[in-house]
């Protein structure tokens, strides 16, 4: 079910209300500043991916989103079969076909591959993908890659970062601590997080 959210405090020209499938959280608002929409994806839940696609199309049509950054592809490269890192690229593939906006990967290929090698078979007892030290390093790589590309384009328009929900948790923690402003060099920026209805609890 779509829920209507009041975004009048974001300073989006001509847009006060936005209908989203899921929960929208205003992590930080700076009126009139560019917006990074962070989308929680659950990679093995097709309905979640479908709702992220639906919500992103709403953002492209109504919230001046001009760039998509995706976990499925290698950092710093345009999303394509040549830059694919993970097996699930349904979200990116949809928008590659549409050719509406810039689509670039954010994944650190080397960390991703080593992390999954270490988990199966386990490098130590009780290791998981989430508990691996590289998992948060990958989250840092995601957001650093976003700002590398976005700043090189003059921070024009707004942007979407589509990633696993636990990576969004990491980034929201860093926003709360003020650490992300130092990393990005950009303090005038709004962060909004969207978790689609179909995302598992």
N, C-alpha and C. Protein backbone atom coordinates (compact mmCIF):
# COMPACT_ATOMS: atom_id res chain seq x y z
N UNK A 1 0.84 -1.19 0.00
CA UNK A 1 0.00 0.00 0.00
C UNK A 1 0.88 1.25 0.00
N UNK A 2 0.54 2.19 -0.85
CA UNK A 2 1.29 3.44 -0.95
C UNK A 2 0.96 4.34 0.24
N UNK A 3 1.99 5.01 0.75
CA UNK A 3 1.82 5.97 1.83
C UNK A 3 2.32 7.33 1.35
N UNK A 4 1.57 8.37 1.66
CA UNK A 4 1.93 9.72 1.23
C UNK A 4 2.75 10.39 2.33
N UNK A 5 3.89 10.96 1.93
CA UNK A 5 4.78 11.62 2.88
C UNK A 5 4.92 13.10 2.53
N UNK A 6 4.99 13.92 3.58
CA UNK A 6 5.15 15.36 3.44
C UNK A 6 6.64 15.68 3.33
N UNK A 7 7.07 16.16 2.18
CA UNK A 7 8.47 16.53 1.97
C UNK A 7 8.64 18.04 1.80
N UNK A 8 7.68 18.80 2.30
CA UNK A 8 7.74 20.25 2.12
C UNK A 8 8.96 20.86 2.80
N UNK A 9 9.48 20.19 3.83
CA UNK A 9 10.66 20.72 4.53
C UNK A 9 11.96 20.44 3.78
N UNK A 10 11.90 19.66 2.69
CA UNK A 10 13.11 19.33 1.93
C UNK A 10 13.45 20.40 0.89
N UNK A 11 12.48 21.23 0.55
CA UNK A 11 12.74 22.28 -0.43
C UNK A 11 12.77 21.78 -1.86
N UNK A 12 12.07 20.67 -2.14
CA UNK A 12 11.98 20.18 -3.52
C UNK A 12 11.05 21.08 -4.32
N UNK A 13 11.54 21.65 -5.38
CA UNK A 13 10.76 22.61 -6.16
C UNK A 13 9.50 21.97 -6.71
N UNK A 14 8.35 22.53 -6.34
CA UNK A 14 7.08 22.08 -6.86
C UNK A 14 6.59 20.75 -6.30
N UNK A 15 7.26 20.24 -5.27
CA UNK A 15 6.86 18.95 -4.70
C UNK A 15 6.76 19.04 -3.19
N UNK A 16 5.58 18.82 -2.66
CA UNK A 16 5.39 18.80 -1.21
C UNK A 16 5.06 17.41 -0.69
N UNK A 17 4.34 16.61 -1.48
CA UNK A 17 3.93 15.28 -1.05
C UNK A 17 4.49 14.23 -2.01
N UNK A 18 4.84 13.07 -1.46
CA UNK A 18 5.39 11.98 -2.26
C UNK A 18 4.78 10.67 -1.79
N UNK A 19 4.29 9.86 -2.72
CA UNK A 19 3.68 8.57 -2.39
C UNK A 19 4.70 7.46 -2.57
N UNK A 20 4.95 6.71 -1.48
CA UNK A 20 5.99 5.68 -1.46
C UNK A 20 5.40 4.37 -0.95
N UNK A 21 5.85 3.27 -1.51
CA UNK A 21 5.48 1.93 -1.01
C UNK A 21 6.49 1.54 0.06
N UNK A 22 6.11 1.77 1.33
CA UNK A 22 7.02 1.45 2.43
C UNK A 22 7.11 2.59 3.43
N UNK A 23 8.20 2.56 4.20
CA UNK A 23 8.43 3.55 5.26
C UNK A 23 9.56 4.48 4.85
N UNK A 24 9.27 5.77 4.84
CA UNK A 24 10.28 6.79 4.55
C UNK A 24 10.71 7.45 5.85
N UNK A 25 12.00 7.44 6.11
CA UNK A 25 12.56 8.04 7.32
C UNK A 25 13.45 9.22 6.94
N UNK A 26 13.18 10.37 7.54
CA UNK A 26 14.02 11.55 7.31
C UNK A 26 15.20 11.48 8.28
N UNK A 27 16.31 10.97 7.78
CA UNK A 27 17.51 10.80 8.62
C UNK A 27 18.11 12.16 8.94
N UNK A 28 18.20 13.02 7.95
CA UNK A 28 18.64 14.41 8.15
C UNK A 28 18.08 15.26 7.04
N UNK A 29 17.56 16.42 7.39
CA UNK A 29 17.00 17.35 6.41
C UNK A 29 17.75 18.67 6.47
N UNK A 30 18.23 19.10 5.30
CA UNK A 30 18.78 20.45 5.13
C UNK A 30 17.97 21.06 3.99
N UNK A 31 17.11 22.00 4.32
CA UNK A 31 16.16 22.55 3.34
C UNK A 31 16.88 23.08 2.12
N UNK A 32 16.42 22.66 0.95
CA UNK A 32 16.97 23.15 -0.30
C UNK A 32 18.26 22.48 -0.75
N UNK A 33 18.80 21.58 0.08
CA UNK A 33 20.05 20.90 -0.26
C UNK A 33 19.78 19.67 -1.11
N UNK A 34 20.79 19.17 -1.82
CA UNK A 34 20.61 17.91 -2.55
C UNK A 34 20.20 16.79 -1.59
N UNK A 35 19.52 15.77 -2.13
CA UNK A 35 19.01 14.67 -1.32
C UNK A 35 19.61 13.35 -1.80
N UNK A 36 20.10 12.56 -0.86
CA UNK A 36 20.47 11.18 -1.14
C UNK A 36 19.37 10.29 -0.56
N UNK A 37 18.64 9.60 -1.44
CA UNK A 37 17.63 8.64 -1.01
C UNK A 37 18.30 7.28 -0.88
N UNK A 38 18.29 6.72 0.31
CA UNK A 38 18.91 5.42 0.56
C UNK A 38 17.82 4.35 0.60
N UNK A 39 17.91 3.38 -0.30
CA UNK A 39 16.89 2.34 -0.42
C UNK A 39 17.41 1.03 0.16
N UNK A 40 16.63 0.45 1.09
CA UNK A 40 16.97 -0.85 1.66
C UNK A 40 16.55 -1.95 0.70
N UNK A 41 17.50 -2.77 0.29
CA UNK A 41 17.16 -3.92 -0.55
C UNK A 41 17.42 -5.21 0.21
N UNK A 42 16.52 -6.16 0.07
CA UNK A 42 16.76 -7.53 0.55
C UNK A 42 16.95 -8.37 -0.71
N UNK A 43 18.19 -8.79 -0.94
CA UNK A 43 18.58 -9.31 -2.25
C UNK A 43 17.84 -10.58 -2.68
N UNK A 44 17.28 -11.31 -1.73
CA UNK A 44 16.61 -12.57 -2.07
C UNK A 44 15.08 -12.48 -1.96
N UNK A 45 14.56 -11.26 -1.87
CA UNK A 45 13.11 -11.06 -1.80
C UNK A 45 12.65 -10.29 -3.03
N UNK A 46 12.15 -10.99 -4.07
CA UNK A 46 11.76 -10.31 -5.31
C UNK A 46 10.76 -9.17 -5.12
N UNK A 47 9.81 -9.35 -4.20
CA UNK A 47 8.81 -8.30 -3.99
C UNK A 47 9.45 -7.02 -3.46
N UNK A 48 10.49 -7.17 -2.64
CA UNK A 48 11.21 -6.01 -2.11
C UNK A 48 11.91 -5.27 -3.25
N UNK A 49 12.56 -6.02 -4.12
CA UNK A 49 13.26 -5.41 -5.26
C UNK A 49 12.26 -4.71 -6.18
N UNK A 50 11.12 -5.35 -6.41
CA UNK A 50 10.09 -4.75 -7.26
C UNK A 50 9.59 -3.43 -6.67
N UNK A 51 9.40 -3.38 -5.36
CA UNK A 51 8.94 -2.14 -4.72
C UNK A 51 10.01 -1.06 -4.76
N UNK A 52 11.29 -1.45 -4.65
CA UNK A 52 12.36 -0.47 -4.78
C UNK A 52 12.39 0.12 -6.19
N UNK A 53 12.16 -0.72 -7.19
CA UNK A 53 12.07 -0.22 -8.56
C UNK A 53 10.91 0.76 -8.70
N UNK A 54 9.77 0.39 -8.16
CA UNK A 54 8.59 1.25 -8.21
C UNK A 54 8.85 2.59 -7.52
N UNK A 55 9.43 2.54 -6.32
CA UNK A 55 9.71 3.78 -5.58
C UNK A 55 10.74 4.65 -6.30
N UNK A 56 11.74 4.02 -6.89
CA UNK A 56 12.76 4.78 -7.59
C UNK A 56 12.18 5.48 -8.81
N UNK A 57 11.26 4.83 -9.50
CA UNK A 57 10.62 5.49 -10.64
C UNK A 57 9.84 6.72 -10.18
N UNK A 58 9.19 6.61 -9.02
CA UNK A 58 8.50 7.77 -8.45
C UNK A 58 9.50 8.90 -8.19
N UNK A 59 10.67 8.56 -7.67
CA UNK A 59 11.68 9.58 -7.36
C UNK A 59 12.27 10.20 -8.62
N UNK A 60 12.47 9.40 -9.65
CA UNK A 60 12.97 9.93 -10.92
C UNK A 60 11.95 10.89 -11.52
N UNK A 61 10.68 10.49 -11.48
CA UNK A 61 9.62 11.30 -12.10
C UNK A 61 9.33 12.58 -11.32
N UNK A 62 9.41 12.50 -9.97
CA UNK A 62 8.92 13.63 -9.18
C UNK A 62 9.89 14.30 -8.25
N UNK A 63 11.08 13.70 -8.03
CA UNK A 63 12.00 14.26 -7.02
C UNK A 63 13.37 14.57 -7.59
N UNK A 64 13.44 14.78 -8.89
CA UNK A 64 14.68 15.21 -9.56
C UNK A 64 15.86 14.27 -9.30
N UNK A 65 15.59 12.97 -9.22
CA UNK A 65 16.69 12.01 -9.10
C UNK A 65 17.33 11.83 -10.47
N UNK A 66 18.63 12.08 -10.54
CA UNK A 66 19.36 12.03 -11.81
C UNK A 66 20.43 10.95 -11.85
N UNK A 67 20.66 10.28 -10.69
CA UNK A 67 21.70 9.25 -10.65
C UNK A 67 21.29 8.14 -9.69
N UNK A 68 21.59 6.90 -10.09
CA UNK A 68 21.37 5.73 -9.25
C UNK A 68 22.72 5.08 -8.97
N UNK A 69 22.96 4.76 -7.71
CA UNK A 69 24.18 4.07 -7.30
C UNK A 69 23.78 2.71 -6.75
N UNK A 70 24.43 1.64 -7.25
CA UNK A 70 23.96 0.29 -7.01
C UNK A 70 25.06 -0.61 -6.45
N UNK A 71 24.67 -1.43 -5.47
CA UNK A 71 25.59 -2.37 -4.84
C UNK A 71 26.00 -3.50 -5.78
N UNK A 72 25.19 -3.78 -6.77
CA UNK A 72 25.41 -4.94 -7.62
C UNK A 72 26.59 -4.82 -8.58
N UNK A 73 27.13 -3.62 -8.75
CA UNK A 73 28.17 -3.38 -9.74
C UNK A 73 29.41 -2.73 -9.13
N UNK A 74 30.51 -2.87 -9.84
CA UNK A 74 31.83 -2.44 -9.35
C UNK A 74 31.90 -0.92 -9.20
N UNK A 75 32.51 -0.50 -8.11
CA UNK A 75 32.63 0.93 -7.79
C UNK A 75 33.35 1.69 -8.89
N UNK A 76 32.81 2.86 -9.19
CA UNK A 76 33.47 3.75 -10.14
C UNK A 76 33.24 3.43 -11.59
N UNK A 77 32.40 2.43 -11.87
CA UNK A 77 32.14 2.04 -13.25
C UNK A 77 30.65 2.11 -13.55
N UNK A 78 30.34 2.47 -14.78
CA UNK A 78 28.94 2.45 -15.22
C UNK A 78 28.39 1.04 -15.09
N UNK A 79 27.15 0.92 -14.63
CA UNK A 79 26.55 -0.40 -14.45
C UNK A 79 26.33 -1.06 -15.80
N UNK A 80 26.92 -2.25 -15.97
CA UNK A 80 26.78 -3.03 -17.19
C UNK A 80 27.17 -4.47 -16.87
N UNK A 81 27.06 -5.36 -17.83
CA UNK A 81 27.47 -6.75 -17.61
C UNK A 81 28.97 -6.83 -17.30
N UNK A 82 29.75 -5.91 -17.83
CA UNK A 82 31.20 -5.93 -17.61
C UNK A 82 31.59 -5.52 -16.19
N UNK A 83 30.72 -4.74 -15.51
CA UNK A 83 31.05 -4.27 -14.16
C UNK A 83 30.26 -5.01 -13.08
N UNK A 84 29.53 -6.06 -13.48
CA UNK A 84 28.69 -6.80 -12.53
C UNK A 84 29.54 -7.52 -11.49
N UNK A 85 29.15 -7.40 -10.21
CA UNK A 85 29.87 -8.07 -9.12
C UNK A 85 28.99 -9.12 -8.47
N UNK A 86 27.75 -8.77 -8.12
CA UNK A 86 26.88 -9.71 -7.41
C UNK A 86 25.90 -10.37 -8.37
N UNK A 87 25.32 -11.49 -7.91
CA UNK A 87 24.43 -12.27 -8.77
C UNK A 87 23.10 -11.58 -9.01
N UNK A 88 22.66 -10.74 -8.06
CA UNK A 88 21.33 -10.14 -8.18
C UNK A 88 21.44 -8.69 -8.65
N UNK A 89 21.15 -8.50 -9.93
CA UNK A 89 21.23 -7.14 -10.50
C UNK A 89 19.90 -6.71 -11.09
N UNK A 90 18.80 -7.27 -10.57
CA UNK A 90 17.47 -6.99 -11.14
C UNK A 90 17.16 -5.49 -11.09
N UNK A 91 17.45 -4.85 -9.96
CA UNK A 91 17.18 -3.42 -9.81
C UNK A 91 17.94 -2.62 -10.86
N UNK A 92 19.24 -2.83 -10.94
CA UNK A 92 20.06 -2.09 -11.90
C UNK A 92 19.65 -2.40 -13.33
N UNK A 93 19.41 -3.68 -13.62
CA UNK A 93 19.06 -4.07 -14.99
C UNK A 93 17.80 -3.34 -15.49
N UNK A 94 16.84 -3.18 -14.59
CA UNK A 94 15.60 -2.50 -14.97
C UNK A 94 15.89 -1.09 -15.48
N UNK A 95 16.73 -0.36 -14.74
CA UNK A 95 16.96 1.04 -15.10
C UNK A 95 18.00 1.19 -16.21
N UNK A 96 18.88 0.19 -16.36
CA UNK A 96 19.79 0.21 -17.52
C UNK A 96 18.96 0.16 -18.80
N UNK A 97 17.94 -0.65 -18.80
CA UNK A 97 17.06 -0.76 -19.98
C UNK A 97 16.30 0.54 -20.24
N UNK A 98 15.97 1.26 -19.16
CA UNK A 98 15.20 2.50 -19.32
C UNK A 98 16.04 3.66 -19.86
N UNK A 99 17.34 3.66 -19.57
CA UNK A 99 18.26 4.71 -20.05
C UNK A 99 17.80 6.12 -19.66
N UNK A 100 17.29 6.26 -18.42
CA UNK A 100 16.78 7.57 -18.00
C UNK A 100 17.81 8.39 -17.22
N UNK A 101 18.67 7.71 -16.47
CA UNK A 101 19.56 8.40 -15.53
C UNK A 101 20.94 7.73 -15.54
N UNK A 102 21.89 8.38 -14.90
CA UNK A 102 23.22 7.80 -14.68
C UNK A 102 23.08 6.61 -13.71
N UNK A 103 23.72 5.48 -14.02
CA UNK A 103 23.70 4.32 -13.13
C UNK A 103 25.13 3.85 -12.94
N UNK A 104 25.61 3.88 -11.71
CA UNK A 104 27.00 3.53 -11.45
C UNK A 104 27.10 2.59 -10.25
N UNK A 105 28.06 1.67 -10.30
CA UNK A 105 28.29 0.75 -9.20
C UNK A 105 29.02 1.40 -8.04
N UNK A 106 28.87 0.77 -6.86
CA UNK A 106 29.57 1.25 -5.66
C UNK A 106 30.30 0.13 -4.92
N UNK A 107 30.22 -1.09 -5.43
CA UNK A 107 30.77 -2.24 -4.72
C UNK A 107 32.29 -2.34 -4.86
N UNK A 108 32.95 -2.64 -3.72
CA UNK A 108 34.37 -2.95 -3.73
C UNK A 108 34.51 -4.44 -4.06
N UNK A 109 34.88 -4.73 -5.28
CA UNK A 109 34.88 -6.11 -5.78
C UNK A 109 35.80 -7.02 -4.97
N UNK A 110 36.96 -6.52 -4.62
CA UNK A 110 37.94 -7.34 -3.90
C UNK A 110 37.45 -7.68 -2.49
N UNK A 111 36.91 -6.70 -1.77
CA UNK A 111 36.39 -6.96 -0.43
C UNK A 111 35.20 -7.91 -0.49
N UNK A 112 34.32 -7.69 -1.45
CA UNK A 112 33.13 -8.54 -1.61
C UNK A 112 33.53 -10.00 -1.84
N UNK A 113 34.46 -10.21 -2.75
CA UNK A 113 34.86 -11.58 -3.07
C UNK A 113 35.56 -12.26 -1.90
N UNK A 114 36.48 -11.53 -1.23
CA UNK A 114 37.20 -12.14 -0.12
C UNK A 114 36.26 -12.43 1.05
N UNK A 115 35.32 -11.56 1.30
CA UNK A 115 34.34 -11.76 2.37
C UNK A 115 33.57 -13.06 2.17
N UNK A 116 33.13 -13.30 0.95
CA UNK A 116 32.34 -14.50 0.68
C UNK A 116 33.21 -15.76 0.64
N UNK A 117 34.46 -15.63 0.26
CA UNK A 117 35.40 -16.76 0.36
C UNK A 117 35.60 -17.16 1.81
N UNK A 118 35.74 -16.16 2.69
CA UNK A 118 36.01 -16.41 4.11
C UNK A 118 34.83 -17.04 4.84
N UNK A 119 33.63 -16.81 4.35
CA UNK A 119 32.43 -17.31 5.03
C UNK A 119 32.13 -18.77 4.66
N UNK A 120 32.49 -19.18 3.46
CA UNK A 120 32.18 -20.55 3.03
C UNK A 120 33.38 -21.16 2.29
N UNK A 121 34.11 -22.08 2.95
CA UNK A 121 33.93 -22.54 4.33
C UNK A 121 34.37 -21.47 5.32
N UNK A 122 33.88 -21.54 6.57
CA UNK A 122 34.16 -20.46 7.54
C UNK A 122 35.63 -20.35 7.91
N UNK A 123 36.12 -19.12 7.88
CA UNK A 123 37.51 -18.86 8.24
C UNK A 123 37.73 -18.98 9.75
N UNK A 124 36.68 -18.70 10.53
CA UNK A 124 36.69 -18.92 11.97
C UNK A 124 35.27 -19.26 12.42
N UNK A 125 35.15 -19.79 13.62
CA UNK A 125 33.85 -20.21 14.14
C UNK A 125 32.89 -19.02 14.22
N UNK A 126 31.64 -19.26 13.84
CA UNK A 126 30.53 -18.31 13.96
C UNK A 126 30.67 -17.08 13.05
N UNK A 127 31.55 -17.14 12.08
CA UNK A 127 31.65 -16.02 11.14
C UNK A 127 30.41 -15.98 10.25
N UNK A 128 29.92 -14.78 9.99
CA UNK A 128 28.83 -14.55 9.04
C UNK A 128 29.25 -13.41 8.12
N UNK A 129 28.48 -13.22 7.06
CA UNK A 129 28.76 -12.09 6.17
C UNK A 129 28.70 -10.79 6.95
N UNK A 130 27.70 -10.65 7.83
CA UNK A 130 27.54 -9.39 8.58
C UNK A 130 28.63 -9.20 9.62
N UNK A 131 29.07 -10.27 10.26
CA UNK A 131 30.09 -10.11 11.32
C UNK A 131 31.51 -9.99 10.76
N UNK A 132 31.67 -10.25 9.48
CA UNK A 132 33.00 -10.13 8.85
C UNK A 132 33.45 -8.67 8.90
N UNK A 133 34.71 -8.41 9.26
CA UNK A 133 35.19 -7.02 9.34
C UNK A 133 35.06 -6.25 8.02
N UNK A 134 35.04 -6.96 6.90
CA UNK A 134 34.94 -6.29 5.61
C UNK A 134 33.54 -5.74 5.34
N UNK A 135 32.52 -6.20 6.08
CA UNK A 135 31.16 -5.78 5.75
C UNK A 135 30.99 -4.27 5.93
N UNK A 136 31.46 -3.75 7.04
CA UNK A 136 31.35 -2.30 7.26
C UNK A 136 32.32 -1.52 6.39
N UNK A 137 33.44 -2.14 6.06
CA UNK A 137 34.36 -1.51 5.11
C UNK A 137 33.69 -1.35 3.75
N UNK A 138 32.88 -2.32 3.37
CA UNK A 138 32.13 -2.21 2.12
C UNK A 138 31.10 -1.07 2.19
N UNK A 139 30.43 -0.94 3.34
CA UNK A 139 29.47 0.17 3.50
C UNK A 139 30.18 1.51 3.29
N UNK A 140 31.38 1.63 3.85
CA UNK A 140 32.17 2.85 3.69
C UNK A 140 32.54 3.08 2.23
N UNK A 141 32.87 1.99 1.55
CA UNK A 141 33.20 2.08 0.12
C UNK A 141 31.99 2.55 -0.68
N UNK A 142 30.80 2.05 -0.32
CA UNK A 142 29.59 2.46 -1.03
C UNK A 142 29.42 3.98 -1.00
N UNK A 143 29.44 4.53 0.22
CA UNK A 143 29.13 5.95 0.34
C UNK A 143 30.27 6.82 -0.22
N UNK A 144 31.50 6.34 -0.09
CA UNK A 144 32.63 7.07 -0.67
C UNK A 144 32.53 7.10 -2.19
N UNK A 145 32.11 5.99 -2.78
CA UNK A 145 31.96 5.92 -4.24
C UNK A 145 30.85 6.84 -4.73
N UNK A 146 29.76 6.93 -3.95
CA UNK A 146 28.68 7.85 -4.30
C UNK A 146 29.21 9.27 -4.39
N UNK A 147 29.93 9.70 -3.37
CA UNK A 147 30.37 11.09 -3.36
C UNK A 147 31.46 11.36 -4.38
N UNK A 148 32.28 10.36 -4.67
CA UNK A 148 33.30 10.54 -5.71
C UNK A 148 32.63 10.87 -7.04
N UNK A 149 31.60 10.11 -7.39
CA UNK A 149 30.93 10.35 -8.66
C UNK A 149 30.06 11.59 -8.63
N UNK A 150 29.26 11.71 -7.57
CA UNK A 150 28.29 12.80 -7.48
C UNK A 150 29.00 14.16 -7.47
N UNK A 151 30.07 14.26 -6.69
CA UNK A 151 30.80 15.54 -6.63
C UNK A 151 31.48 15.85 -7.96
N UNK A 152 31.93 14.80 -8.67
CA UNK A 152 32.58 15.04 -9.97
C UNK A 152 31.59 15.60 -10.98
N UNK A 153 30.28 15.36 -10.74
CA UNK A 153 29.23 15.89 -11.62
C UNK A 153 28.61 17.17 -11.07
N UNK A 154 29.25 17.74 -10.06
CA UNK A 154 28.78 19.02 -9.53
C UNK A 154 27.58 18.90 -8.61
N UNK A 155 27.29 17.69 -8.08
CA UNK A 155 26.15 17.46 -7.18
C UNK A 155 24.84 17.90 -7.81
N UNK A 156 24.72 17.73 -9.12
CA UNK A 156 23.48 18.13 -9.79
C UNK A 156 22.39 17.11 -9.51
N UNK A 157 21.18 17.61 -9.29
CA UNK A 157 20.04 16.74 -9.03
C UNK A 157 20.18 15.97 -7.73
N UNK A 158 19.23 15.07 -7.50
CA UNK A 158 19.26 14.20 -6.33
C UNK A 158 19.68 12.80 -6.76
N UNK A 159 19.95 11.93 -5.78
CA UNK A 159 20.50 10.61 -6.11
C UNK A 159 19.87 9.53 -5.24
N UNK A 160 19.94 8.30 -5.74
CA UNK A 160 19.48 7.10 -5.02
C UNK A 160 20.67 6.18 -4.81
N UNK A 161 20.79 5.63 -3.59
CA UNK A 161 21.75 4.57 -3.31
C UNK A 161 20.96 3.33 -2.90
N UNK A 162 21.03 2.28 -3.73
CA UNK A 162 20.31 1.04 -3.48
C UNK A 162 21.28 0.01 -2.92
N UNK A 163 20.98 -0.51 -1.72
CA UNK A 163 21.94 -1.40 -1.05
C UNK A 163 21.22 -2.25 -0.01
N UNK A 164 21.89 -3.26 0.50
CA UNK A 164 21.35 -4.06 1.58
C UNK A 164 21.06 -3.21 2.80
N UNK A 165 20.00 -3.56 3.51
CA UNK A 165 19.55 -2.74 4.65
C UNK A 165 20.60 -2.58 5.73
N UNK A 166 21.44 -3.60 5.96
CA UNK A 166 22.45 -3.46 7.02
C UNK A 166 23.52 -2.45 6.64
N UNK A 167 23.78 -2.28 5.34
CA UNK A 167 24.71 -1.22 4.92
C UNK A 167 24.08 0.15 5.17
N UNK A 168 22.78 0.26 4.94
CA UNK A 168 22.09 1.52 5.26
C UNK A 168 22.15 1.80 6.75
N UNK A 169 22.07 0.75 7.59
CA UNK A 169 22.22 0.94 9.04
C UNK A 169 23.56 1.58 9.36
N UNK A 170 24.62 1.06 8.75
CA UNK A 170 25.97 1.61 8.99
C UNK A 170 26.03 3.08 8.62
N UNK A 171 25.54 3.41 7.44
CA UNK A 171 25.62 4.78 6.94
C UNK A 171 24.81 5.72 7.81
N UNK A 172 23.63 5.27 8.26
CA UNK A 172 22.81 6.11 9.16
C UNK A 172 23.54 6.34 10.49
N UNK A 173 24.23 5.34 10.98
CA UNK A 173 25.04 5.52 12.21
C UNK A 173 26.10 6.60 12.00
N UNK A 174 26.77 6.58 10.87
CA UNK A 174 27.82 7.56 10.59
C UNK A 174 27.25 8.96 10.41
N UNK A 175 26.05 9.06 9.83
CA UNK A 175 25.40 10.36 9.72
C UNK A 175 25.12 10.92 11.11
N UNK A 176 24.59 10.07 12.00
CA UNK A 176 24.25 10.50 13.36
C UNK A 176 25.49 10.97 14.12
N UNK A 177 26.62 10.34 13.85
CA UNK A 177 27.87 10.69 14.53
C UNK A 177 28.56 11.91 13.91
N UNK A 178 28.08 12.35 12.76
CA UNK A 178 28.72 13.47 12.06
C UNK A 178 29.93 13.08 11.24
N UNK A 179 30.19 11.78 11.15
CA UNK A 179 31.40 11.31 10.46
C UNK A 179 31.27 11.42 8.95
N UNK A 180 30.05 11.36 8.43
CA UNK A 180 29.89 11.35 6.98
C UNK A 180 30.20 12.70 6.35
N UNK A 181 29.98 13.78 7.07
CA UNK A 181 30.30 15.10 6.54
C UNK A 181 31.81 15.23 6.30
N UNK A 182 32.60 14.67 7.20
CA UNK A 182 34.06 14.73 7.04
C UNK A 182 34.50 13.88 5.85
N UNK A 183 33.88 12.72 5.69
CA UNK A 183 34.23 11.84 4.58
C UNK A 183 33.88 12.46 3.24
N UNK A 184 32.66 13.00 3.16
CA UNK A 184 32.16 13.48 1.87
C UNK A 184 32.63 14.89 1.53
N UNK A 185 32.94 15.67 2.55
CA UNK A 185 33.25 17.07 2.33
C UNK A 185 32.02 17.90 2.03
N UNK A 186 30.84 17.31 2.28
CA UNK A 186 29.56 17.99 1.99
C UNK A 186 28.69 17.95 3.24
N UNK A 187 28.43 19.11 3.83
CA UNK A 187 27.58 19.16 5.01
C UNK A 187 26.15 19.56 4.67
N UNK A 188 25.98 20.29 3.56
CA UNK A 188 24.64 20.69 3.14
C UNK A 188 24.04 19.59 2.26
N UNK A 189 23.49 18.59 2.92
CA UNK A 189 22.93 17.43 2.22
C UNK A 189 21.86 16.80 3.08
N UNK A 190 20.75 16.42 2.45
CA UNK A 190 19.68 15.70 3.15
C UNK A 190 19.80 14.21 2.85
N UNK A 191 19.47 13.40 3.87
CA UNK A 191 19.47 11.94 3.73
C UNK A 191 18.08 11.41 4.09
N UNK A 192 17.47 10.72 3.15
CA UNK A 192 16.18 10.08 3.39
C UNK A 192 16.34 8.58 3.13
N UNK A 193 15.76 7.78 4.02
CA UNK A 193 15.87 6.31 3.89
C UNK A 193 14.49 5.72 3.62
N UNK A 194 14.44 4.79 2.67
CA UNK A 194 13.18 4.15 2.31
C UNK A 194 13.33 2.63 2.47
N UNK A 195 12.48 2.06 3.33
CA UNK A 195 12.42 0.60 3.47
C UNK A 195 11.09 0.13 2.90
N UNK A 196 11.10 -0.62 1.80
CA UNK A 196 9.84 -1.03 1.17
C UNK A 196 9.06 -1.98 2.07
N UNK A 197 7.75 -2.02 1.87
CA UNK A 197 6.87 -2.84 2.68
C UNK A 197 7.27 -4.31 2.67
N UNK A 198 7.77 -4.80 1.54
CA UNK A 198 8.09 -6.22 1.42
C UNK A 198 9.43 -6.61 2.04
N UNK A 199 10.18 -5.63 2.54
CA UNK A 199 11.46 -5.97 3.18
C UNK A 199 11.19 -6.78 4.44
N UNK A 200 11.86 -7.92 4.62
CA UNK A 200 11.62 -8.72 5.83
C UNK A 200 11.97 -7.95 7.09
N UNK A 201 11.32 -8.27 8.21
CA UNK A 201 11.60 -7.57 9.49
C UNK A 201 13.07 -7.74 9.89
